Amino acid sequence: MTNHDVHNTLPPKTCSVERLVTMEEDVNKVLEGKKTATRRNGRYADVGEIMELKDKKFKVDRVYSQSLGELTDEHAKQEGFDTVEEYKQSILSYHPGMPWLPQMRVWVHEFSPVSE
């Protein structure tokens, strides 16, 4: 697995942390503690950035690149699904016509609640 955890090796962000988790179903999974990571085509956050969802704060703990072929059921659980296949079907339903290519790389953003 190729993890790029070192901050200075990360390319510039392509979007903002406010856009990291936007779908209502995903927001609810994060708030319930069932979703602790999200994968995106681009890099939406830096390590240490704060994401706010319905007045609750979450800190981005890790950001790294991963290929779809590297996904395991454990990764799917981070996303709030039981299996890679469930996660895959969910993603493909959001993006009709998009191929699921094992070599395609995504950016993983792992986060945790901020205790106040």
N, C-alpha and C. Protein backbone atom coordinates (compact mmCIF):
# COMPACT_ATOMS: atom_id res chain seq x y z
N MET A 1 0.85 -1.18 0.00
CA MET A 1 0.00 0.00 0.00
C MET A 1 0.90 1.24 0.00
N THR A 2 0.52 2.22 -0.77
CA THR A 2 1.29 3.45 -0.83
C THR A 2 0.59 4.52 -0.03
N ASN A 3 1.16 4.85 1.10
CA ASN A 3 0.60 5.92 1.94
C ASN A 3 1.53 7.11 1.88
N HIS A 4 0.97 8.26 1.57
CA HIS A 4 1.74 9.50 1.52
C HIS A 4 1.31 10.34 2.71
N ASP A 5 1.87 10.04 3.88
CA ASP A 5 1.46 10.72 5.09
C ASP A 5 2.25 12.00 5.34
N VAL A 6 3.42 12.10 4.77
CA VAL A 6 4.26 13.25 5.05
C VAL A 6 3.65 14.48 4.37
N HIS A 7 3.33 15.47 5.18
CA HIS A 7 2.62 16.65 4.69
C HIS A 7 3.30 17.30 3.50
N ASN A 8 4.63 17.41 3.51
CA ASN A 8 5.30 18.14 2.44
C ASN A 8 5.34 17.38 1.12
N THR A 9 4.89 16.12 1.09
CA THR A 9 4.85 15.39 -0.18
C THR A 9 3.46 15.46 -0.81
N LEU A 10 2.52 16.05 -0.13
CA LEU A 10 1.16 16.12 -0.66
C LEU A 10 1.05 17.24 -1.69
N PRO A 11 0.32 16.97 -2.77
CA PRO A 11 0.10 18.02 -3.76
C PRO A 11 -0.90 19.05 -3.22
N PRO A 12 -1.05 20.18 -3.89
CA PRO A 12 -2.02 21.18 -3.42
C PRO A 12 -3.44 20.61 -3.37
N LYS A 13 -4.24 21.16 -2.48
CA LYS A 13 -5.64 20.74 -2.39
C LYS A 13 -6.36 21.12 -3.68
N THR A 14 -7.35 20.30 -4.05
CA THR A 14 -8.15 20.58 -5.24
C THR A 14 -9.54 21.08 -4.88
N CYS A 15 -9.88 21.05 -3.59
CA CYS A 15 -11.19 21.49 -3.11
C CYS A 15 -11.02 21.88 -1.65
N SER A 16 -12.12 22.24 -0.99
CA SER A 16 -12.02 22.67 0.41
C SER A 16 -12.63 21.63 1.34
N VAL A 17 -12.21 21.68 2.60
CA VAL A 17 -12.67 20.73 3.60
C VAL A 17 -14.19 20.79 3.77
N GLU A 18 -14.80 21.94 3.49
CA GLU A 18 -16.27 22.07 3.61
C GLU A 18 -17.00 21.15 2.64
N ARG A 19 -16.33 20.73 1.57
CA ARG A 19 -16.95 19.87 0.56
C ARG A 19 -16.60 18.39 0.75
N LEU A 20 -15.86 18.08 1.82
CA LEU A 20 -15.39 16.71 2.01
C LEU A 20 -16.53 15.71 2.20
N VAL A 21 -17.47 16.01 3.07
CA VAL A 21 -18.63 15.14 3.31
C VAL A 21 -19.87 16.02 3.17
N THR A 22 -20.66 15.77 2.12
CA THR A 22 -21.80 16.65 1.85
C THR A 22 -23.13 15.93 1.73
N MET A 23 -23.12 14.65 1.36
CA MET A 23 -24.38 13.93 1.18
C MET A 23 -25.00 13.64 2.55
N GLU A 24 -26.29 13.90 2.68
CA GLU A 24 -26.99 13.77 3.96
C GLU A 24 -26.76 12.41 4.62
N GLU A 25 -26.83 11.34 3.82
CA GLU A 25 -26.64 9.98 4.35
C GLU A 25 -25.23 9.84 4.95
N ASP A 26 -24.23 10.40 4.26
CA ASP A 26 -22.85 10.33 4.75
C ASP A 26 -22.65 11.20 5.98
N VAL A 27 -23.25 12.38 5.98
CA VAL A 27 -23.16 13.27 7.15
C VAL A 27 -23.70 12.54 8.37
N ASN A 28 -24.84 11.89 8.23
CA ASN A 28 -25.43 11.15 9.35
C ASN A 28 -24.53 10.02 9.82
N LYS A 29 -23.89 9.30 8.87
CA LYS A 29 -22.98 8.22 9.25
C LYS A 29 -21.80 8.76 10.06
N VAL A 30 -21.28 9.93 9.65
CA VAL A 30 -20.17 10.54 10.40
C VAL A 30 -20.64 10.89 11.81
N LEU A 31 -21.80 11.55 11.91
CA LEU A 31 -22.32 11.97 13.21
C LEU A 31 -22.59 10.78 14.13
N GLU A 32 -22.96 9.63 13.54
CA GLU A 32 -23.24 8.41 14.32
C GLU A 32 -21.97 7.62 14.62
N GLY A 33 -20.83 8.06 14.09
CA GLY A 33 -19.58 7.34 14.32
C GLY A 33 -19.38 6.14 13.42
N LYS A 34 -20.22 5.99 12.39
CA LYS A 34 -20.13 4.84 11.49
C LYS A 34 -19.22 5.10 10.29
N LYS A 35 -18.87 6.37 10.06
CA LYS A 35 -18.01 6.74 8.93
C LYS A 35 -16.86 7.57 9.48
N THR A 36 -15.63 7.08 9.29
CA THR A 36 -14.45 7.76 9.82
C THR A 36 -13.45 8.13 8.73
N ALA A 37 -13.84 7.92 7.47
CA ALA A 37 -12.98 8.28 6.35
C ALA A 37 -13.84 8.51 5.11
N THR A 38 -13.29 9.29 4.20
CA THR A 38 -13.94 9.46 2.91
C THR A 38 -12.88 9.50 1.84
N ARG A 39 -13.21 8.92 0.70
CA ARG A 39 -12.29 8.87 -0.43
C ARG A 39 -12.82 9.80 -1.52
N ARG A 40 -11.91 10.57 -2.09
CA ARG A 40 -12.27 11.54 -3.12
C ARG A 40 -11.26 11.49 -4.25
N ASN A 41 -11.69 11.97 -5.42
CA ASN A 41 -10.79 12.07 -6.57
C ASN A 41 -9.65 13.04 -6.34
N GLY A 42 -9.92 14.08 -5.57
CA GLY A 42 -8.91 15.09 -5.29
C GLY A 42 -8.65 15.18 -3.81
N ARG A 43 -7.72 16.05 -3.47
CA ARG A 43 -7.38 16.26 -2.06
C ARG A 43 -8.18 17.44 -1.54
N TYR A 44 -9.03 17.19 -0.54
CA TYR A 44 -9.95 18.20 -0.03
C TYR A 44 -9.51 18.81 1.30
N ALA A 45 -8.51 18.23 1.94
CA ALA A 45 -8.13 18.71 3.27
C ALA A 45 -6.67 18.43 3.56
N ASP A 46 -6.13 19.22 4.46
CA ASP A 46 -4.81 19.00 5.01
C ASP A 46 -4.97 18.32 6.37
N VAL A 47 -3.95 17.60 6.79
CA VAL A 47 -3.95 17.01 8.12
C VAL A 47 -4.08 18.15 9.13
N GLY A 48 -4.97 17.95 10.11
CA GLY A 48 -5.18 18.96 11.14
C GLY A 48 -6.34 19.90 10.86
N GLU A 49 -6.82 19.93 9.62
CA GLU A 49 -7.96 20.80 9.30
C GLU A 49 -9.21 20.30 10.01
N ILE A 50 -10.12 21.22 10.29
CA ILE A 50 -11.36 20.89 10.99
C ILE A 50 -12.52 20.94 10.00
N MET A 51 -13.32 19.88 10.02
CA MET A 51 -14.54 19.79 9.23
C MET A 51 -15.70 19.95 10.21
N GLU A 52 -16.67 20.77 9.88
CA GLU A 52 -17.82 20.95 10.76
C GLU A 52 -19.08 20.41 10.07
N LEU A 53 -19.78 19.53 10.78
CA LEU A 53 -21.02 18.93 10.28
C LEU A 53 -22.10 19.11 11.35
N LYS A 54 -23.12 19.89 11.05
CA LYS A 54 -24.22 20.12 12.00
C LYS A 54 -23.71 20.50 13.39
N ASP A 55 -22.83 21.49 13.44
CA ASP A 55 -22.27 22.02 14.69
C ASP A 55 -21.35 21.06 15.43
N LYS A 56 -20.98 19.94 14.83
CA LYS A 56 -20.01 19.01 15.42
C LYS A 56 -18.72 19.12 14.61
N LYS A 57 -17.59 19.09 15.32
CA LYS A 57 -16.30 19.25 14.65
C LYS A 57 -15.54 17.93 14.56
N PHE A 58 -14.86 17.75 13.43
CA PHE A 58 -14.06 16.56 13.17
C PHE A 58 -12.71 17.01 12.62
N LYS A 59 -11.65 16.41 13.15
CA LYS A 59 -10.30 16.77 12.73
C LYS A 59 -9.80 15.76 11.70
N VAL A 60 -9.19 16.24 10.63
CA VAL A 60 -8.59 15.37 9.63
C VAL A 60 -7.27 14.85 10.21
N ASP A 61 -7.18 13.53 10.37
CA ASP A 61 -6.03 12.90 11.01
C ASP A 61 -4.98 12.42 10.02
N ARG A 62 -5.42 11.93 8.88
CA ARG A 62 -4.51 11.39 7.86
C ARG A 62 -5.06 11.70 6.48
N VAL A 63 -4.14 11.93 5.54
CA VAL A 63 -4.51 12.11 4.14
C VAL A 63 -3.47 11.35 3.33
N TYR A 64 -3.93 10.41 2.50
CA TYR A 64 -2.99 9.64 1.69
C TYR A 64 -3.67 9.12 0.43
N SER A 65 -2.85 8.72 -0.51
CA SER A 65 -3.34 8.20 -1.79
C SER A 65 -3.47 6.69 -1.71
N GLN A 66 -4.49 6.16 -2.40
CA GLN A 66 -4.76 4.72 -2.39
C GLN A 66 -5.41 4.35 -3.71
N SER A 67 -5.11 3.17 -4.23
CA SER A 67 -5.81 2.73 -5.44
C SER A 67 -7.07 1.97 -5.04
N LEU A 68 -8.07 1.99 -5.92
CA LEU A 68 -9.32 1.28 -5.63
C LEU A 68 -9.05 -0.21 -5.45
N GLY A 69 -8.06 -0.73 -6.14
CA GLY A 69 -7.72 -2.15 -6.02
C GLY A 69 -7.16 -2.53 -4.66
N GLU A 70 -6.71 -1.54 -3.89
CA GLU A 70 -6.16 -1.80 -2.55
C GLU A 70 -7.24 -1.86 -1.48
N LEU A 71 -8.46 -1.47 -1.82
CA LEU A 71 -9.53 -1.41 -0.82
C LEU A 71 -9.83 -2.79 -0.23
N THR A 72 -10.01 -2.81 1.08
CA THR A 72 -10.40 -4.03 1.80
C THR A 72 -11.75 -3.77 2.48
N ASP A 73 -12.33 -4.80 3.04
CA ASP A 73 -13.58 -4.62 3.78
C ASP A 73 -13.37 -3.69 4.97
N GLU A 74 -12.17 -3.69 5.56
CA GLU A 74 -11.88 -2.75 6.66
C GLU A 74 -11.97 -1.31 6.18
N HIS A 75 -11.45 -1.03 4.98
CA HIS A 75 -11.56 0.31 4.41
C HIS A 75 -13.03 0.65 4.17
N ALA A 76 -13.80 -0.31 3.67
CA ALA A 76 -15.23 -0.08 3.43
C ALA A 76 -15.94 0.26 4.75
N LYS A 77 -15.54 -0.39 5.84
CA LYS A 77 -16.14 -0.10 7.15
C LYS A 77 -15.84 1.34 7.56
N GLN A 78 -14.64 1.86 7.26
CA GLN A 78 -14.33 3.27 7.54
C GLN A 78 -15.32 4.18 6.82
N GLU A 79 -15.79 3.73 5.66
CA GLU A 79 -16.71 4.52 4.84
C GLU A 79 -18.17 4.32 5.25
N GLY A 80 -18.41 3.41 6.19
CA GLY A 80 -19.77 3.18 6.67
C GLY A 80 -20.48 2.04 5.96
N PHE A 81 -19.72 1.17 5.30
CA PHE A 81 -20.29 0.01 4.60
C PHE A 81 -19.69 -1.27 5.16
N ASP A 82 -20.36 -2.41 4.95
CA ASP A 82 -19.85 -3.68 5.48
C ASP A 82 -18.78 -4.30 4.59
N THR A 83 -18.91 -4.09 3.27
CA THR A 83 -17.98 -4.74 2.34
C THR A 83 -17.54 -3.76 1.24
N VAL A 84 -16.46 -4.10 0.59
CA VAL A 84 -15.99 -3.30 -0.55
C VAL A 84 -17.06 -3.27 -1.63
N GLU A 85 -17.73 -4.38 -1.86
CA GLU A 85 -18.76 -4.43 -2.90
C GLU A 85 -19.90 -3.45 -2.60
N GLU A 86 -20.34 -3.38 -1.34
CA GLU A 86 -21.39 -2.42 -0.97
C GLU A 86 -20.92 -0.99 -1.23
N TYR A 87 -19.69 -0.70 -0.83
CA TYR A 87 -19.12 0.64 -1.04
C TYR A 87 -19.04 0.94 -2.54
N LYS A 88 -18.55 -0.01 -3.30
CA LYS A 88 -18.42 0.16 -4.76
C LYS A 88 -19.78 0.47 -5.38
N GLN A 89 -20.80 -0.30 -5.05
CA GLN A 89 -22.13 -0.08 -5.63
C GLN A 89 -22.68 1.29 -5.26
N SER A 90 -22.41 1.72 -4.04
CA SER A 90 -22.86 3.04 -3.60
C SER A 90 -22.19 4.13 -4.44
N ILE A 91 -20.86 4.04 -4.59
CA ILE A 91 -20.12 5.04 -5.38
C ILE A 91 -20.60 5.06 -6.82
N LEU A 92 -20.78 3.89 -7.41
CA LEU A 92 -21.22 3.82 -8.81
C LEU A 92 -22.64 4.36 -8.98
N SER A 93 -23.46 4.26 -7.94
CA SER A 93 -24.81 4.81 -8.04
C SER A 93 -24.78 6.34 -8.01
N TYR A 94 -23.78 6.92 -7.34
CA TYR A 94 -23.62 8.39 -7.31
C TYR A 94 -23.07 8.92 -8.63
N HIS A 95 -22.29 8.08 -9.31
CA HIS A 95 -21.59 8.51 -10.53
C HIS A 95 -21.91 7.55 -11.68
N PRO A 96 -23.13 7.65 -12.24
CA PRO A 96 -23.52 6.74 -13.31
C PRO A 96 -22.53 6.81 -14.48
N GLY A 97 -22.15 5.64 -15.00
CA GLY A 97 -21.25 5.58 -16.14
C GLY A 97 -19.78 5.59 -15.76
N MET A 98 -19.48 5.86 -14.49
CA MET A 98 -18.08 5.87 -14.07
C MET A 98 -17.58 4.43 -13.95
N PRO A 99 -16.43 4.14 -14.55
CA PRO A 99 -15.89 2.79 -14.38
C PRO A 99 -15.21 2.65 -13.01
N TRP A 100 -15.18 1.45 -12.50
CA TRP A 100 -14.46 1.15 -11.26
C TRP A 100 -13.18 0.47 -11.69
N LEU A 101 -12.09 1.21 -11.69
CA LEU A 101 -10.82 0.69 -12.17
C LEU A 101 -9.88 0.45 -10.99
N PRO A 102 -9.40 -0.79 -10.82
CA PRO A 102 -8.54 -1.09 -9.66
C PRO A 102 -7.31 -0.18 -9.57
N GLN A 103 -6.79 0.28 -10.71
CA GLN A 103 -5.59 1.12 -10.68
C GLN A 103 -5.90 2.59 -10.43
N MET A 104 -7.19 2.96 -10.46
CA MET A 104 -7.57 4.36 -10.23
C MET A 104 -7.21 4.76 -8.80
N ARG A 105 -6.55 5.92 -8.67
CA ARG A 105 -6.13 6.38 -7.35
C ARG A 105 -7.09 7.42 -6.81
N VAL A 106 -7.31 7.34 -5.51
CA VAL A 106 -8.17 8.30 -4.81
C VAL A 106 -7.39 8.82 -3.61
N TRP A 107 -7.90 9.92 -3.05
CA TRP A 107 -7.32 10.47 -1.82
C TRP A 107 -8.18 10.06 -0.64
N VAL A 108 -7.56 9.44 0.34
CA VAL A 108 -8.24 9.02 1.56
C VAL A 108 -8.07 10.13 2.60
N HIS A 109 -9.18 10.52 3.20
CA HIS A 109 -9.18 11.51 4.27
C HIS A 109 -9.77 10.82 5.50
N GLU A 110 -8.95 10.56 6.51
CA GLU A 110 -9.43 9.95 7.74
C GLU A 110 -9.62 11.05 8.78
N PHE A 111 -10.70 10.94 9.56
CA PHE A 111 -11.02 11.99 10.51
C PHE A 111 -11.59 11.41 11.80
N SER A 112 -11.58 12.24 12.84
CA SER A 112 -12.12 11.82 14.13
C SER A 112 -12.79 13.01 14.79
N PRO A 113 -13.74 12.72 15.70
CA PRO A 113 -14.44 13.82 16.39
C PRO A 113 -13.48 14.63 17.26
N VAL A 114 -13.75 15.91 17.33
CA VAL A 114 -12.98 16.79 18.21
C VAL A 114 -13.76 16.88 19.52
N SER A 115 -13.10 16.53 20.63
CA SER A 115 -13.79 16.66 21.92
C SER A 115 -13.67 18.09 22.40
N GLU A 116 -14.79 18.62 22.83
CA GLU A 116 -14.79 20.03 23.25
C GLU A 116 -14.96 20.17 24.73
